[in-house]
Protein backbone atom coordinates (compact mmCIF):
# COMPACT_ATOMS: atom_id res chain seq x y z
CA MET A 1 3.51 -13.41 4.76
CA ILE A 2 4.76 -15.09 1.59
CA ARG A 3 8.17 -16.69 1.51
CA HIS A 4 10.29 -16.10 -1.56
CA SER A 5 11.27 -19.08 -3.66
CA ARG A 6 12.07 -19.98 -7.20
CA HIS A 7 8.30 -20.21 -7.75
CA THR A 8 7.75 -16.55 -6.96
CA SER A 9 5.52 -15.95 -9.95
CA GLU A 10 3.11 -18.67 -8.80
CA SER A 11 3.03 -17.30 -5.26
CA TRP A 12 2.31 -13.78 -6.60
CA ARG A 13 -0.56 -15.08 -8.73
CA ALA A 14 -1.88 -17.21 -5.87
CA LEU A 15 -2.30 -14.27 -3.51
CA PRO A 16 -5.92 -13.78 -2.39
CA TRP A 17 -6.61 -10.66 -4.48
CA LYS A 18 -10.37 -10.81 -4.01
CA LYS A 19 -9.95 -10.98 -0.24
CA PHE A 20 -7.52 -8.03 -0.36
CA ARG A 21 -10.03 -5.95 -2.35
CA ARG A 22 -12.86 -6.80 0.05
CA ASN A 23 -10.71 -5.98 3.05
CA LEU A 24 -9.65 -2.60 1.67
CA PHE A 25 -13.17 -1.71 0.57
CA ARG A 26 -14.52 -2.57 4.02
CA LEU A 27 -11.96 -0.25 5.65
CA GLN A 28 -12.72 2.53 3.17
CA LYS A 29 -16.44 2.14 3.87
CA ARG A 30 -15.77 2.45 7.60
CA VAL A 31 -13.82 5.69 6.98
CA TYR A 32 -16.71 7.04 4.92
CA LYS A 33 -19.24 6.25 7.63
CA ALA A 34 -17.06 7.82 10.33
CA VAL A 35 -16.72 11.02 8.29
CA LEU A 36 -20.45 11.04 7.61
CA VAL A 37 -21.21 10.87 11.33
CA GLY A 38 -18.55 13.49 12.07
CA ASP A 39 -16.18 11.29 14.07
CA LYS A 40 -12.86 12.70 12.85
CA ARG A 41 -10.73 10.80 15.34
CA LYS A 42 -12.09 7.45 14.23
CA ALA A 43 -11.78 8.39 10.56
CA ARG A 44 -8.13 9.38 11.06
CA SER A 45 -7.31 6.17 12.93
CA LEU A 46 -8.98 4.11 10.20
CA GLN A 47 -6.97 5.97 7.55
CA LYS A 48 -3.79 5.08 9.43
CA LEU A 49 -4.97 1.49 9.55
CA ILE A 50 -5.41 1.51 5.77
CA LEU A 51 -1.87 2.83 5.33
CA LYS A 52 -0.50 -0.03 7.43
CA SER A 53 -2.67 -2.80 5.98
CA THR A 54 -1.12 -5.59 3.96
CA SER A 55 -4.08 -5.61 1.60
CA ALA A 56 -3.57 -1.98 0.63
CA ARG A 57 0.17 -2.48 0.10
CA PHE A 58 -0.25 -5.50 -2.18
CA LEU A 59 -3.09 -3.87 -4.14
CA ALA A 60 -1.08 -0.67 -4.60
CA ILE A 61 1.92 -2.61 -5.91
CA ARG A 62 -0.31 -4.62 -8.22
CA LEU A 63 -2.03 -1.50 -9.50
CA VAL A 64 1.22 0.27 -10.28
CA SER A 65 3.19 -2.67 -11.65
CA GLN A 66 0.54 -4.72 -13.48
CA LEU A 67 -2.74 -2.93 -14.07
CA ASN A 68 -1.40 0.54 -14.82
CA ALA A 69 -1.77 1.63 -18.46
CA GLY A 70 1.76 3.10 -18.41
CA LYS A 71 3.37 0.01 -16.90
CA LYS A 72 5.78 -0.41 -19.83
CA THR A 73 6.88 3.24 -19.74
CA ALA A 74 10.14 3.78 -17.91
CA GLY A 75 9.90 5.87 -14.79
CA ILE A 76 12.43 8.18 -13.20
CA ASP A 77 14.61 5.21 -12.24
CA GLY A 78 14.71 3.95 -15.83
CA LYS A 79 13.04 0.62 -15.05
CA LYS A 80 10.20 -0.47 -17.30
CA SER A 81 8.66 -3.29 -15.29
CA LEU A 82 9.11 -5.11 -12.00
CA SER A 83 9.72 -8.83 -11.67
CA PHE A 84 7.75 -10.87 -9.18
CA GLU A 85 10.66 -10.91 -6.72
CA GLU A 86 11.02 -7.13 -6.99
CA ARG A 87 7.32 -6.76 -6.20
CA PHE A 88 7.70 -8.83 -3.02
CA ASN A 89 10.82 -6.86 -2.07
CA LEU A 90 8.90 -3.62 -2.58
CA GLU A 91 6.15 -4.88 -0.27
CA GLU A 92 8.76 -5.68 2.41
CA LEU A 93 10.25 -2.20 2.00
CA LEU A 94 6.83 -0.56 2.31
CA LYS A 95 6.07 -2.67 5.38
CA MET A 96 9.24 -1.44 7.09
CA ASN A 97 8.52 2.20 6.30
CA SER A 98 4.76 2.19 6.89
CA GLY A 99 4.79 3.63 10.40
CA LYS A 100 7.55 6.18 9.98
CA ARG A 101 6.86 9.76 9.08
CA ASN A 102 9.15 11.86 6.96
CA GLN A 103 11.38 13.90 9.26
CA ASN A 104 12.25 16.32 6.47
CA ARG A 105 8.68 17.57 6.31
CA HIS A 106 8.34 17.97 10.07
CA ALA A 107 9.10 21.44 11.37
CA ASN A 108 8.63 22.78 14.87
CA LEU A 109 7.00 26.19 14.80
CA ALA A 110 7.72 28.61 17.60
CA LYS A 111 4.69 29.70 19.55
CA ARG A 112 4.03 33.41 19.85
């Protein structure tokens, strides 16, 4: 979506945050309506769509790295804050792993 350059901070600030918020809210509203009507299949597919959406990824990264009250507190990895390039790299990493499920949590249960 966004190419990395030496002007990464400007490209991060220039992202269409309002459009991302509207997009995510629209999807969340559709999930709510599907659950209200009782259409579980549609609600589940919309939830998967939210997990794969670019808007949700960028907003999640922004929430954790910029808007979070504990953003200057070091996490388990010892890092206190992410640079703009690291934020874009994190989005690329999340994009690659968005459709994969965790094989460690998957267990086949024998039928009786």
